[in-house]
């Protein structure tokens, strides 16, 4: 290229840079401010002198009831739903935001490089 960029290319480069910077800065702030997951434990177990919180959804009774009503697929869907909802809180949200901002910035840079001057 002769150092000439179209208006669309420049716009896409600026958008990509802005998404990248704002996304990573936001992810860093969220990561720093995020508290560890608050325990919603109903009970605690002591194993080897250490105390562990037991989440209600991890209990054998809950898992048996879910499998009784929904079968194995119901249990798998419930586990997937718990995992998916855990991505939108705390430090995991920072990771998701960082990955999405890098991905979107990469797409914008790629589209801008593919434009003809």
N, C-alpha and C. Protein backbone atom coordinates (compact mmCIF):
# COMPACT_ATOMS: atom_id res chain seq x y z
N UNK A 1 0.83 -1.18 0.00
CA UNK A 1 0.00 0.00 0.00
C UNK A 1 0.87 1.24 0.00
N UNK A 2 0.40 2.27 -0.57
CA UNK A 2 1.13 3.52 -0.71
C UNK A 2 0.93 4.46 0.47
N UNK A 3 0.50 3.97 1.60
CA UNK A 3 0.24 4.84 2.73
C UNK A 3 -1.12 5.50 2.65
N UNK A 4 -1.92 5.09 1.69
CA UNK A 4 -3.25 5.66 1.55
C UNK A 4 -4.28 4.68 2.10
N UNK A 5 -5.15 5.20 2.88
CA UNK A 5 -6.23 4.39 3.43
C UNK A 5 -7.55 5.07 3.09
N UNK A 6 -8.53 4.26 2.85
CA UNK A 6 -9.86 4.83 2.61
C UNK A 6 -10.46 5.28 3.93
N UNK A 7 -11.50 6.06 3.83
CA UNK A 7 -12.19 6.54 5.02
C UNK A 7 -12.74 5.35 5.82
N UNK A 8 -13.25 4.33 5.12
CA UNK A 8 -13.79 3.14 5.79
C UNK A 8 -12.69 2.41 6.55
N UNK A 9 -11.50 2.28 5.95
CA UNK A 9 -10.40 1.61 6.62
C UNK A 9 -10.00 2.35 7.90
N UNK A 10 -9.86 3.65 7.79
CA UNK A 10 -9.48 4.43 8.97
C UNK A 10 -10.53 4.32 10.07
N UNK A 11 -11.79 4.35 9.67
CA UNK A 11 -12.86 4.22 10.65
C UNK A 11 -12.82 2.86 11.34
N UNK A 12 -12.60 1.81 10.55
CA UNK A 12 -12.54 0.47 11.14
C UNK A 12 -11.32 0.32 12.05
N UNK A 13 -10.19 0.89 11.66
CA UNK A 13 -9.00 0.84 12.52
C UNK A 13 -9.26 1.57 13.84
N UNK A 14 -9.90 2.73 13.77
CA UNK A 14 -10.20 3.48 15.00
C UNK A 14 -11.21 2.73 15.87
N UNK A 15 -12.21 2.16 15.25
CA UNK A 15 -13.20 1.38 16.01
C UNK A 15 -12.53 0.19 16.68
N UNK A 16 -11.67 -0.51 15.93
CA UNK A 16 -10.99 -1.67 16.49
C UNK A 16 -10.10 -1.27 17.67
N UNK A 17 -9.37 -0.18 17.52
CA UNK A 17 -8.50 0.27 18.61
C UNK A 17 -9.31 0.69 19.83
N UNK A 18 -10.42 1.38 19.59
CA UNK A 18 -11.28 1.80 20.71
C UNK A 18 -11.89 0.61 21.42
N UNK A 19 -12.39 -0.36 20.66
CA UNK A 19 -12.98 -1.56 21.27
C UNK A 19 -11.93 -2.31 22.07
N UNK A 20 -10.74 -2.43 21.50
CA UNK A 20 -9.66 -3.14 22.18
C UNK A 20 -9.29 -2.46 23.49
N UNK A 21 -9.05 -1.16 23.44
CA UNK A 21 -8.62 -0.44 24.64
C UNK A 21 -9.71 -0.37 25.70
N UNK A 22 -10.91 0.01 25.29
CA UNK A 22 -12.00 0.14 26.26
C UNK A 22 -12.35 -1.23 26.85
N UNK A 23 -12.36 -2.27 26.01
CA UNK A 23 -12.68 -3.60 26.50
C UNK A 23 -11.67 -4.12 27.50
N UNK A 24 -10.38 -3.95 27.19
CA UNK A 24 -9.37 -4.44 28.11
C UNK A 24 -9.29 -3.61 29.39
N UNK A 25 -9.47 -2.30 29.27
CA UNK A 25 -9.49 -1.48 30.48
C UNK A 25 -10.69 -1.82 31.36
N UNK A 26 -11.84 -2.01 30.74
CA UNK A 26 -13.03 -2.39 31.51
C UNK A 26 -12.85 -3.76 32.16
N UNK A 27 -12.27 -4.70 31.43
CA UNK A 27 -12.03 -6.02 31.99
C UNK A 27 -11.07 -5.94 33.17
N UNK A 28 -10.05 -5.11 33.04
CA UNK A 28 -9.11 -4.95 34.15
C UNK A 28 -9.76 -4.34 35.38
N UNK A 29 -10.61 -3.35 35.16
CA UNK A 29 -11.31 -2.73 36.29
C UNK A 29 -12.28 -3.72 36.95
N UNK A 30 -12.99 -4.47 36.13
CA UNK A 30 -13.93 -5.46 36.68
C UNK A 30 -13.16 -6.52 37.46
N UNK A 31 -12.04 -6.97 36.89
CA UNK A 31 -11.24 -8.00 37.57
C UNK A 31 -10.73 -7.50 38.92
N UNK A 32 -10.27 -6.26 38.93
CA UNK A 32 -9.73 -5.71 40.17
C UNK A 32 -10.82 -5.48 41.23
N UNK A 33 -12.00 -5.07 40.78
CA UNK A 33 -13.08 -4.76 41.72
C UNK A 33 -13.92 -5.97 42.10
N UNK A 34 -13.76 -7.07 41.37
CA UNK A 34 -14.61 -8.23 41.61
C UNK A 34 -14.26 -8.90 42.92
N UNK A 35 -15.27 -9.16 43.66
CA UNK A 35 -15.09 -9.91 44.91
C UNK A 35 -15.18 -11.40 44.60
N UNK A 36 -14.59 -12.16 45.45
CA UNK A 36 -14.73 -13.60 45.28
C UNK A 36 -16.20 -13.97 45.42
N UNK A 37 -16.55 -15.08 44.83
CA UNK A 37 -17.95 -15.49 44.81
C UNK A 37 -18.47 -15.65 46.23
N UNK A 38 -19.59 -14.98 46.47
CA UNK A 38 -20.21 -15.11 47.78
C UNK A 38 -20.86 -16.47 47.87
N UNK A 39 -20.69 -17.07 49.00
CA UNK A 39 -21.18 -18.42 49.17
C UNK A 39 -22.68 -18.42 49.42
N UNK A 40 -23.38 -19.27 48.69
CA UNK A 40 -24.80 -19.46 48.91
C UNK A 40 -25.02 -20.81 49.57
N UNK A 41 -24.05 -21.20 50.38
CA UNK A 41 -24.05 -22.53 50.96
C UNK A 41 -25.14 -22.68 52.01
N UNK A 42 -25.75 -23.85 51.98
CA UNK A 42 -26.71 -24.21 53.01
C UNK A 42 -26.05 -25.03 54.11
N UNK A 43 -24.93 -25.63 53.75
CA UNK A 43 -24.23 -26.45 54.74
C UNK A 43 -22.74 -26.41 54.44
N UNK A 44 -21.98 -26.96 55.36
CA UNK A 44 -20.54 -27.01 55.23
C UNK A 44 -20.06 -28.42 55.54
N UNK A 45 -18.98 -28.83 54.89
CA UNK A 45 -18.40 -30.13 55.17
C UNK A 45 -16.97 -29.91 55.65
N UNK A 46 -16.56 -30.73 56.61
CA UNK A 46 -15.20 -30.68 57.11
C UNK A 46 -14.50 -31.92 56.60
N UNK A 47 -13.45 -31.69 55.79
CA UNK A 47 -12.67 -32.79 55.23
C UNK A 47 -11.20 -32.53 55.53
N UNK A 48 -10.60 -33.42 56.28
CA UNK A 48 -9.18 -33.30 56.59
C UNK A 48 -8.84 -32.02 57.33
N UNK A 49 -9.72 -31.54 58.15
CA UNK A 49 -9.48 -30.32 58.91
C UNK A 49 -9.79 -29.04 58.18
N UNK A 50 -10.19 -29.12 56.91
CA UNK A 50 -10.57 -27.93 56.14
C UNK A 50 -12.08 -27.89 55.99
N UNK A 51 -12.61 -26.69 56.02
CA UNK A 51 -14.06 -26.50 55.91
C UNK A 51 -14.39 -26.09 54.48
N UNK A 52 -15.34 -26.78 53.86
CA UNK A 52 -15.76 -26.49 52.49
C UNK A 52 -17.26 -26.20 52.48
N UNK A 53 -17.63 -25.15 51.77
CA UNK A 53 -19.04 -24.82 51.63
C UNK A 53 -19.67 -25.74 50.59
N UNK A 54 -20.89 -26.18 50.87
CA UNK A 54 -21.62 -27.04 49.95
C UNK A 54 -22.74 -26.23 49.33
N UNK A 55 -22.65 -26.04 48.02
CA UNK A 55 -23.67 -25.32 47.27
C UNK A 55 -24.93 -26.19 47.22
N UNK A 56 -26.11 -25.61 47.35
CA UNK A 56 -27.33 -26.42 47.31
C UNK A 56 -27.47 -27.21 46.01
N UNK A 57 -26.98 -26.68 44.91
CA UNK A 57 -27.11 -27.38 43.63
C UNK A 57 -26.11 -28.52 43.50
N UNK A 58 -25.16 -28.62 44.41
CA UNK A 58 -24.19 -29.71 44.37
C UNK A 58 -24.58 -30.87 45.28
N UNK A 59 -25.66 -30.72 46.01
CA UNK A 59 -26.04 -31.79 46.92
C UNK A 59 -26.58 -33.00 46.15
N UNK A 60 -26.43 -34.15 46.75
CA UNK A 60 -26.89 -35.37 46.10
C UNK A 60 -28.41 -35.38 45.94
N UNK A 61 -29.11 -34.81 46.91
CA UNK A 61 -30.57 -34.79 46.83
C UNK A 61 -31.05 -33.93 45.65
N UNK A 62 -30.42 -32.78 45.46
CA UNK A 62 -30.79 -31.90 44.35
C UNK A 62 -30.51 -32.58 43.03
N UNK A 63 -29.33 -33.17 42.90
CA UNK A 63 -28.95 -33.82 41.64
C UNK A 63 -29.87 -35.01 41.35
N UNK A 64 -30.25 -35.75 42.39
CA UNK A 64 -31.16 -36.87 42.21
C UNK A 64 -32.53 -36.39 41.77
N UNK A 65 -33.02 -35.31 42.37
CA UNK A 65 -34.33 -34.78 41.99
C UNK A 65 -34.33 -34.26 40.55
N UNK A 66 -33.27 -33.56 40.16
CA UNK A 66 -33.19 -33.06 38.79
C UNK A 66 -33.16 -34.22 37.82
N UNK A 67 -32.40 -35.25 38.14
CA UNK A 67 -32.33 -36.41 37.24
C UNK A 67 -33.64 -37.19 37.25
N UNK A 68 -34.34 -37.20 38.37
CA UNK A 68 -35.62 -37.89 38.44
C UNK A 68 -36.65 -37.21 37.55
N UNK A 69 -36.70 -35.88 37.59
CA UNK A 69 -37.70 -35.15 36.82
C UNK A 69 -37.30 -34.92 35.37
N UNK A 70 -36.01 -34.72 35.12
CA UNK A 70 -35.59 -34.38 33.76
C UNK A 70 -34.72 -35.42 33.09
N UNK A 71 -34.37 -36.46 33.79
CA UNK A 71 -33.49 -37.46 33.23
C UNK A 71 -32.06 -36.95 33.18
N UNK A 72 -31.22 -37.71 32.52
CA UNK A 72 -29.82 -37.33 32.41
C UNK A 72 -29.66 -36.02 31.64
N UNK A 73 -30.47 -35.84 30.61
CA UNK A 73 -30.39 -34.59 29.85
C UNK A 73 -30.80 -33.40 30.71
N UNK A 74 -31.75 -33.58 31.59
CA UNK A 74 -32.15 -32.50 32.50
C UNK A 74 -31.02 -32.12 33.43
N UNK A 75 -30.30 -33.12 33.93
CA UNK A 75 -29.16 -32.85 34.80
C UNK A 75 -28.05 -32.14 34.03
N UNK A 76 -27.78 -32.58 32.80
CA UNK A 76 -26.75 -31.93 31.99
C UNK A 76 -27.13 -30.49 31.65
N UNK A 77 -28.39 -30.27 31.33
CA UNK A 77 -28.86 -28.91 31.02
C UNK A 77 -28.77 -28.02 32.25
N UNK A 78 -29.11 -28.56 33.42
CA UNK A 78 -29.01 -27.77 34.65
C UNK A 78 -27.55 -27.41 34.95
N UNK A 79 -26.64 -28.35 34.75
CA UNK A 79 -25.22 -28.07 34.96
C UNK A 79 -24.71 -27.03 33.97
N UNK A 80 -25.12 -27.14 32.70
CA UNK A 80 -24.71 -26.17 31.69
C UNK A 80 -25.26 -24.79 32.01
N UNK A 81 -26.50 -24.73 32.47
CA UNK A 81 -27.13 -23.46 32.82
C UNK A 81 -26.40 -22.81 34.00
N UNK A 82 -26.00 -23.59 34.99
CA UNK A 82 -25.25 -23.05 36.12
C UNK A 82 -23.90 -22.51 35.66
N UNK A 83 -23.22 -23.24 34.76
CA UNK A 83 -21.93 -22.79 34.26
C UNK A 83 -22.08 -21.50 33.46
N UNK A 84 -23.11 -21.45 32.59
CA UNK A 84 -23.33 -20.27 31.77
C UNK A 84 -23.65 -19.06 32.62
N UNK A 85 -24.45 -19.23 33.64
CA UNK A 85 -24.79 -18.08 34.50
C UNK A 85 -23.60 -17.65 35.34
N UNK A 86 -22.64 -18.55 35.59
CA UNK A 86 -21.47 -18.16 36.37
C UNK A 86 -20.52 -17.27 35.57
N UNK A 87 -20.67 -17.22 34.25
CA UNK A 87 -19.78 -16.41 33.42
C UNK A 87 -20.07 -14.92 33.52
N UNK A 88 -21.21 -14.55 34.07
CA UNK A 88 -21.61 -13.15 34.07
C UNK A 88 -21.46 -12.50 35.43
N UNK A 89 -20.56 -13.04 36.26
CA UNK A 89 -20.34 -12.49 37.60
C UNK A 89 -18.85 -12.50 37.91
N UNK A 90 -18.40 -11.47 38.58
CA UNK A 90 -17.06 -11.44 39.14
C UNK A 90 -15.93 -11.50 38.12
N UNK A 91 -14.91 -12.27 38.49
CA UNK A 91 -13.70 -12.33 37.68
C UNK A 91 -13.94 -13.03 36.35
N UNK A 92 -14.86 -13.95 36.30
CA UNK A 92 -15.16 -14.61 35.03
C UNK A 92 -15.74 -13.62 34.03
N UNK A 93 -16.50 -12.65 34.50
CA UNK A 93 -17.02 -11.62 33.61
C UNK A 93 -15.87 -10.83 32.99
N UNK A 94 -14.84 -10.56 33.77
CA UNK A 94 -13.67 -9.85 33.24
C UNK A 94 -13.01 -10.65 32.13
N UNK A 95 -12.88 -11.96 32.33
CA UNK A 95 -12.29 -12.81 31.29
C UNK A 95 -13.14 -12.81 30.02
N UNK A 96 -14.44 -12.94 30.18
CA UNK A 96 -15.35 -12.96 29.03
C UNK A 96 -15.27 -11.63 28.28
N UNK A 97 -15.27 -10.53 29.00
CA UNK A 97 -15.20 -9.22 28.37
C UNK A 97 -13.88 -9.03 27.62
N UNK A 98 -12.79 -9.47 28.20
CA UNK A 98 -11.48 -9.36 27.54
C UNK A 98 -11.45 -10.19 26.27
N UNK A 99 -11.96 -11.40 26.31
CA UNK A 99 -11.96 -12.27 25.13
C UNK A 99 -12.84 -11.68 24.03
N UNK A 100 -14.02 -11.19 24.38
CA UNK A 100 -14.91 -10.61 23.38
C UNK A 100 -14.30 -9.34 22.78
N UNK A 101 -13.69 -8.50 23.59
CA UNK A 101 -13.12 -7.25 23.05
C UNK A 101 -11.96 -7.56 22.12
N UNK A 102 -11.12 -8.52 22.46
CA UNK A 102 -10.01 -8.90 21.57
C UNK A 102 -10.56 -9.49 20.28
N UNK A 103 -11.58 -10.33 20.38
CA UNK A 103 -12.18 -10.93 19.19
C UNK A 103 -12.82 -9.92 18.26
N UNK A 104 -13.57 -9.00 18.82
CA UNK A 104 -14.22 -7.98 17.99
C UNK A 104 -13.19 -7.05 17.36
N UNK A 105 -12.16 -6.68 18.13
CA UNK A 105 -11.10 -5.83 17.57
C UNK A 105 -10.37 -6.56 16.44
N UNK A 106 -10.12 -7.84 16.61
CA UNK A 106 -9.45 -8.62 15.56
C UNK A 106 -10.30 -8.66 14.28
N UNK A 107 -11.59 -8.84 14.44
CA UNK A 107 -12.49 -8.86 13.28
C UNK A 107 -12.47 -7.51 12.57
N UNK A 108 -12.53 -6.43 13.32
CA UNK A 108 -12.49 -5.09 12.71
C UNK A 108 -11.17 -4.85 11.98
N UNK A 109 -10.05 -5.23 12.61
CA UNK A 109 -8.74 -5.08 11.94
C UNK A 109 -8.69 -5.91 10.67
N UNK A 110 -9.21 -7.13 10.72
CA UNK A 110 -9.18 -8.01 9.55
C UNK A 110 -10.01 -7.44 8.40
N UNK A 111 -11.19 -6.93 8.72
CA UNK A 111 -12.05 -6.34 7.69
C UNK A 111 -11.38 -5.09 7.10
N UNK A 112 -10.74 -4.29 7.95
CA UNK A 112 -10.08 -3.08 7.47
C UNK A 112 -8.89 -3.42 6.56
N UNK A 113 -8.16 -4.45 6.88
CA UNK A 113 -7.03 -4.83 6.04
C UNK A 113 -7.50 -5.39 4.70
N UNK A 114 -8.69 -5.96 4.67
CA UNK A 114 -9.21 -6.54 3.42
C UNK A 114 -9.79 -5.52 2.47
N UNK A 115 -9.98 -4.31 2.94
CA UNK A 115 -10.54 -3.26 2.07
C UNK A 115 -9.48 -2.77 1.11
N UNK A 116 -9.90 -2.49 -0.10
CA UNK A 116 -8.96 -1.96 -1.10
C UNK A 116 -8.80 -0.45 -0.90
N UNK A 117 -7.57 0.06 -1.05
CA UNK A 117 -7.35 1.50 -0.87
C UNK A 117 -7.93 2.30 -2.02
